[in-house]
Amino acid sequence: MSESRIPAAYMTPGTSSFADFLTAQSPELLPGHNAAPGNLGDLAPHGTTIVAATFPGGVIIAGDRRATQGNLIAERDMRKVFPADEYSAVGIAGSAGLAVELVKLFQTELEHYEKIEGTTLSIEGKASRLSALVRGNLAMAMQGLVVVPLFVGFDPDAGVGKIYGYDPTGGRYEQTGYSGVGSGSLFAKGALKKLYRPDLDEDTLVAVLIQALYDAADDDSATGGPDLSRKLFPLVHVITADGGRTLPDAEVAAVAESVIAGRLQRPDGPIAEIEGAK
């Protein structure tokens, strides 16, 4: 019998973490492994803004399409929201190239675990694995190439959607209700603070998230609003007990057009009800 063309080290049973396996066998393939001196933050495109919110029975994550490089628009149609597996998704902000590679590694990590262990990770386990990958990029983050994801998923045991935010060191923080990340997140979360309610249905919450992204684009030049002329609209991904799905462009376009029509009448957007007023 001829010898196997696959190295023995690759066939040895070991860790269920693909990232750990890659670190041991080919660390040069990891995102951000080959660090360069100096601050590289202005040399690579950056992506913003991502927002997410929970509703009864699930969670929704949405992101704008713009990537910037310094004071220039590097991309107008960048995808920043990615399914991680059937019941989770990741939105990315920060250095676009490294962020996309980190998401691909995370997707492979979850698939690898499922094949090795014969089961899927819990939502907490997925969030923890992503935290380790973000921490692995710390050397590049210290040179200006920061990657900050927003992770969402459906917890089948609790029957609810969950949101996790991160810092550049890999710190993981579960968020309540809604969250955002990226340069426009300050304005987006300000809008969500006034418009979000935990009892909103799916369709209404989609409209609220697009309102929040519109507010972010209104005040943050790095965030792109709905572009009717180019037919570019936010990416919206919904996750429930039935799994995840990305809303079709036509469906998101209809909501975005409704938001823009409302802004023609009220440029600052909808006004939240004031409780306690006579």
Protein backbone atom coordinates (compact mmCIF):
# COMPACT_ATOMS: atom_id res chain seq x y z
CA MET A 1 0.00 0.00 0.00
CA SER A 2 1.35 3.43 -0.90
CA GLU A 3 2.05 5.92 1.85
CA SER A 4 -0.57 8.55 2.58
CA ARG A 5 0.03 11.92 1.00
CA ILE A 6 -1.38 13.58 4.15
CA PRO A 7 1.26 14.27 6.85
CA ALA A 8 0.88 12.13 9.96
CA ALA A 9 0.50 15.21 12.15
CA TYR A 10 -2.67 16.10 10.29
CA MET A 11 -4.18 12.68 11.03
CA THR A 12 -3.39 12.61 14.75
CA PRO A 13 -6.49 13.01 16.96
CA GLY A 14 -6.22 16.16 19.02
CA THR A 15 -7.95 19.37 19.82
CA SER A 16 -11.42 20.14 18.53
CA SER A 17 -10.33 23.74 17.91
CA PHE A 18 -9.33 24.43 14.32
CA ALA A 19 -7.59 27.64 15.38
CA ASP A 20 -5.41 25.73 17.86
CA PHE A 21 -4.62 23.13 15.18
CA LEU A 22 -3.63 25.87 12.74
CA THR A 23 -1.47 27.54 15.41
CA ALA A 24 0.42 24.29 15.93
CA GLN A 25 0.80 23.31 12.26
CA SER A 26 0.87 26.53 10.18
CA PRO A 27 0.75 29.64 12.38
CA GLU A 28 1.72 31.84 9.42
CA LEU A 29 -1.79 31.27 8.00
CA LEU A 30 -3.50 32.93 10.96
CA PRO A 31 -4.92 36.46 10.45
CA GLY A 32 -2.48 39.08 11.72
CA HIS A 33 0.36 36.61 12.32
CA ASN A 34 2.98 38.57 10.39
CA ALA A 35 3.02 41.87 12.22
CA ALA A 36 4.77 44.86 10.71
CA PRO A 37 6.29 47.80 12.59
CA GLY A 38 4.50 51.12 12.92
CA ASN A 39 0.86 52.18 12.88
CA LEU A 40 -0.92 50.70 9.87
CA GLY A 41 -4.43 51.86 10.69
CA ASP A 42 -4.69 54.41 7.87
CA LEU A 43 -3.37 52.01 5.22
CA ALA A 44 -6.31 49.58 5.24
CA PRO A 45 -10.05 50.05 4.68
CA HIS A 46 -12.24 50.16 7.79
CA GLY A 47 -15.84 49.03 8.02
CA THR A 48 -18.63 50.49 10.15
CA THR A 49 -21.45 50.48 11.46
CA ILE A 50 -23.14 47.34 12.91
CA VAL A 51 -26.29 47.26 15.07
CA ALA A 52 -28.21 44.37 16.62
CA ALA A 53 -31.29 43.93 18.79
CA THR A 54 -33.36 41.12 20.25
CA PHE A 55 -37.09 40.55 19.92
CA PRO A 56 -39.41 37.84 21.33
CA GLY A 57 -38.15 34.65 19.72
CA GLY A 58 -34.97 35.86 18.08
CA VAL A 59 -32.34 38.47 17.25
CA ILE A 60 -31.59 40.71 14.25
CA ILE A 61 -28.22 42.11 13.16
CA ALA A 62 -27.78 44.78 10.48
CA GLY A 63 -24.87 46.68 8.96
CA ASP A 64 -24.25 49.49 6.52
CA ARG A 65 -22.23 48.91 3.34
CA ARG A 66 -19.48 51.58 3.46
CA ALA A 67 -15.78 51.04 4.12
CA THR A 68 -13.44 54.01 4.46
CA GLN A 69 -9.70 54.51 4.14
CA GLY A 70 -8.69 57.71 5.87
CA ASN A 71 -10.95 60.42 4.50
CA LEU A 72 -11.81 58.40 1.36
CA ILE A 73 -14.63 55.97 0.64
CA ALA A 74 -12.85 52.68 -0.11
CA GLU A 75 -15.94 50.51 -0.72
CA ARG A 76 -19.62 51.35 -1.14
CA ASP A 77 -21.00 47.80 -1.19
CA MET A 78 -18.98 45.92 1.42
CA ARG A 79 -20.60 43.00 3.22
CA LYS A 80 -20.11 43.31 6.99
CA VAL A 81 -22.70 40.83 8.28
CA PHE A 82 -21.95 37.11 7.89
CA PRO A 83 -23.73 33.95 9.06
CA ALA A 84 -21.37 32.05 11.38
CA ASP A 85 -23.54 28.94 11.28
CA GLU A 86 -27.25 28.16 11.13
CA TYR A 87 -28.05 29.86 14.46
CA SER A 88 -25.48 32.65 14.76
CA ALA A 89 -23.99 35.55 12.83
CA VAL A 90 -21.15 38.06 13.07
CA GLY A 91 -20.99 41.74 12.16
CA ILE A 92 -17.57 43.30 11.71
CA ALA A 93 -16.11 46.74 12.37
CA GLY A 94 -12.52 47.88 12.19
CA SER A 95 -9.83 46.78 9.76
CA ALA A 96 -11.87 45.26 6.94
CA GLY A 97 -9.37 42.77 5.51
CA LEU A 98 -8.38 41.24 8.83
CA ALA A 99 -11.99 41.23 10.01
CA VAL A 100 -13.19 39.25 6.98
CA GLU A 101 -10.36 36.73 7.42
CA LEU A 102 -11.18 36.40 11.13
CA VAL A 103 -14.84 35.67 10.29
CA LYS A 104 -13.81 32.99 7.78
CA LEU A 105 -11.60 31.37 10.42
CA PHE A 106 -14.45 31.54 12.93
CA GLN A 107 -16.84 29.88 10.46
CA THR A 108 -14.29 27.09 9.90
CA GLU A 109 -13.76 26.81 13.66
CA LEU A 110 -17.47 26.12 14.26
CA GLU A 111 -17.68 23.67 11.36
CA HIS A 112 -14.51 21.87 12.51
CA TYR A 113 -15.84 21.51 16.06
CA GLU A 114 -19.14 20.09 14.81
CA LYS A 115 -17.35 17.48 12.65
CA ILE A 116 -14.92 16.45 15.40
CA GLU A 117 -17.36 16.38 18.32
CA GLY A 118 -20.55 15.43 16.47
CA THR A 119 -22.49 18.30 18.03
CA THR A 120 -22.63 22.07 17.87
CA LEU A 121 -21.18 24.47 20.40
CA SER A 122 -23.52 26.28 22.78
CA ILE A 123 -24.09 29.98 22.17
CA GLU A 124 -21.72 30.71 25.07
CA GLY A 125 -19.13 28.37 23.58
CA LYS A 126 -19.33 30.10 20.19
CA ALA A 127 -18.95 33.51 21.81
CA SER A 128 -15.92 32.24 23.75
CA ARG A 129 -14.24 30.85 20.62
CA LEU A 130 -14.68 34.19 18.85
CA SER A 131 -13.19 35.94 21.88
CA ALA A 132 -10.03 33.82 21.54
CA LEU A 133 -9.71 34.74 17.85
CA VAL A 134 -10.08 38.46 18.59
CA ARG A 135 -7.43 38.16 21.32
CA GLY A 136 -5.13 36.53 18.78
CA ASN A 137 -5.23 39.73 16.72
CA LEU A 138 -4.01 41.89 19.62
CA ALA A 139 -0.54 42.43 18.12
CA MET A 140 -2.07 43.90 14.97
CA ALA A 141 -4.60 45.91 17.00
CA MET A 142 -1.71 47.62 18.80
CA GLN A 143 -0.48 48.73 15.36
CA GLY A 144 -3.84 50.26 14.44
CA LEU A 145 -5.43 47.27 12.67
CA VAL A 146 -8.22 46.74 15.17
CA VAL A 147 -10.96 44.15 14.63
CA VAL A 148 -14.08 44.46 16.79
CA PRO A 149 -16.95 42.07 15.98
CA LEU A 150 -20.55 41.97 17.17
CA PHE A 151 -21.79 38.40 17.65
CA VAL A 152 -25.43 37.35 17.78
CA GLY A 153 -27.15 33.99 18.03
CA PHE A 154 -30.22 32.09 19.10
CA ASP A 155 -30.01 30.10 22.34
CA PRO A 156 -32.23 27.01 21.87
CA ASP A 157 -32.10 26.14 25.56
CA ALA A 158 -33.43 29.52 26.69
CA GLY A 159 -35.46 30.15 23.53
CA VAL A 160 -34.10 33.69 23.17
CA GLY A 161 -31.71 35.66 21.01
CA LYS A 162 -28.44 36.90 22.50
CA ILE A 163 -25.90 39.60 21.63
CA TYR A 164 -22.21 39.72 22.54
CA GLY A 165 -19.87 42.67 22.20
CA TYR A 166 -16.06 42.55 22.29
CA ASP A 167 -13.09 44.80 22.93
CA PRO A 168 -9.78 44.60 21.02
CA THR A 169 -8.21 42.43 23.76
CA GLY A 170 -10.84 39.73 23.30
CA GLY A 171 -12.98 40.74 26.26
CA ARG A 172 -16.53 39.42 25.81
CA TYR A 173 -19.64 41.17 27.12
CA GLU A 174 -23.22 39.99 26.77
CA GLN A 175 -25.48 42.89 25.80
CA THR A 176 -29.07 43.43 26.89
CA GLY A 177 -31.70 44.36 24.33
CA TYR A 178 -29.57 46.07 21.70
CA SER A 179 -26.01 47.03 20.87
CA GLY A 180 -23.80 48.50 18.18
CA VAL A 181 -20.17 48.69 17.13
CA GLY A 182 -18.18 50.89 14.79
CA SER A 183 -17.59 54.62 14.37
CA GLY A 184 -21.29 55.35 13.92
CA SER A 185 -22.44 53.17 16.80
CA LEU A 186 -22.63 56.11 19.21
CA PHE A 187 -25.36 57.70 17.08
CA ALA A 188 -27.02 54.39 16.22
CA LYS A 189 -27.29 53.38 19.87
CA GLY A 190 -28.65 56.83 20.70
CA ALA A 191 -31.46 56.21 18.20
CA LEU A 192 -32.07 52.70 19.53
CA LYS A 193 -32.26 54.00 23.08
CA LYS A 194 -35.35 56.03 22.08
CA LEU A 195 -36.98 53.64 19.60
CA TYR A 196 -36.25 50.14 20.90
CA ARG A 197 -38.70 48.14 23.01
CA PRO A 198 -38.25 44.48 23.95
CA ASP A 199 -41.76 43.59 22.72
CA LEU A 200 -41.28 44.79 19.12
CA ASP A 201 -42.14 42.28 16.40
CA GLU A 202 -39.64 41.27 13.71
CA ASP A 203 -40.85 43.64 10.98
CA THR A 204 -40.96 46.65 13.30
CA LEU A 205 -37.50 45.88 14.70
CA VAL A 206 -36.04 45.72 11.17
CA ALA A 207 -37.41 49.23 10.56
CA VAL A 208 -35.98 50.45 13.89
CA LEU A 209 -32.50 49.11 13.06
CA ILE A 210 -32.55 50.79 9.66
CA GLN A 211 -33.64 54.03 11.34
CA ALA A 212 -30.64 53.66 13.66
CA LEU A 213 -28.25 53.11 10.73
CA TYR A 214 -29.75 56.15 8.97
CA ASP A 215 -29.06 58.27 12.08
CA ALA A 216 -25.50 56.92 12.20
CA ALA A 217 -24.94 57.87 8.55
CA ASP A 218 -26.46 61.29 9.19
CA ASP A 219 -23.79 62.16 11.77
CA ASP A 220 -20.85 59.87 10.93
CA SER A 221 -19.16 60.28 7.54
CA ALA A 222 -17.70 56.75 7.72
CA THR A 223 -21.18 55.18 7.79
CA GLY A 224 -23.11 54.81 4.56
CA GLY A 225 -26.86 55.33 4.49
CA PRO A 226 -29.29 53.70 2.03
CA ASP A 227 -28.17 54.54 -1.52
CA LEU A 228 -31.23 54.65 -3.77
CA SER A 229 -29.32 55.60 -6.92
CA ARG A 230 -26.97 52.58 -6.65
CA LYS A 231 -29.61 50.34 -5.04
CA LEU A 232 -27.35 49.66 -2.05
CA PHE A 233 -29.11 48.98 1.22
CA PRO A 234 -28.11 47.69 4.67
CA LEU A 235 -27.57 43.97 5.14
CA VAL A 236 -30.07 42.50 7.59
CA HIS A 237 -29.84 38.98 9.07
CA VAL A 238 -32.61 37.49 11.23
CA ILE A 239 -32.11 34.48 13.53
CA THR A 240 -34.95 32.57 15.21
CA ALA A 241 -35.64 29.02 16.37
CA ASP A 242 -36.06 28.12 12.69
CA GLY A 243 -32.51 29.22 11.88
CA GLY A 244 -30.98 32.29 10.28
CA ARG A 245 -31.84 34.04 7.06
CA THR A 246 -30.58 37.16 5.30
CA LEU A 247 -33.42 39.39 4.17
CA PRO A 248 -33.67 39.84 0.38
CA ASP A 249 -32.50 43.17 -1.03
CA ALA A 250 -36.03 43.95 -2.25
CA GLU A 251 -37.47 43.55 1.26
CA VAL A 252 -34.80 45.75 2.85
CA ALA A 253 -35.15 48.29 0.03
CA ALA A 254 -38.87 48.66 0.74
CA VAL A 255 -38.17 49.39 4.41
CA ALA A 256 -35.32 51.78 3.57
CA GLU A 257 -37.45 53.67 1.06
CA SER A 258 -40.16 54.04 3.69
CA VAL A 259 -37.60 55.38 6.17
CA ILE A 260 -36.28 57.89 3.63
CA ALA A 261 -39.81 59.02 2.74
CA GLY A 262 -40.46 59.67 6.42
CA ARG A 263 -37.23 61.65 6.73
CA LEU A 264 -38.39 63.97 3.96
CA GLN A 265 -41.19 65.02 6.29
CA ARG A 266 -39.20 64.82 9.52
CA PRO A 267 -35.41 64.94 8.84
CA ASP A 268 -34.48 64.04 12.41
CA GLY A 269 -36.57 60.87 12.32
CA PRO A 270 -39.47 59.57 14.39
CA ILE A 271 -40.09 61.03 17.83
CA ALA A 272 -40.25 58.65 20.76
CA GLU A 273 -43.24 58.83 23.09
CA ILE A 274 -42.64 60.76 26.32
CA GLU A 275 -44.00 58.83 29.27
CA GLY A 276 -45.38 60.80 32.17
CA ALA A 277 -46.22 63.87 30.08
CA LYS A 278 -49.65 65.37 30.64
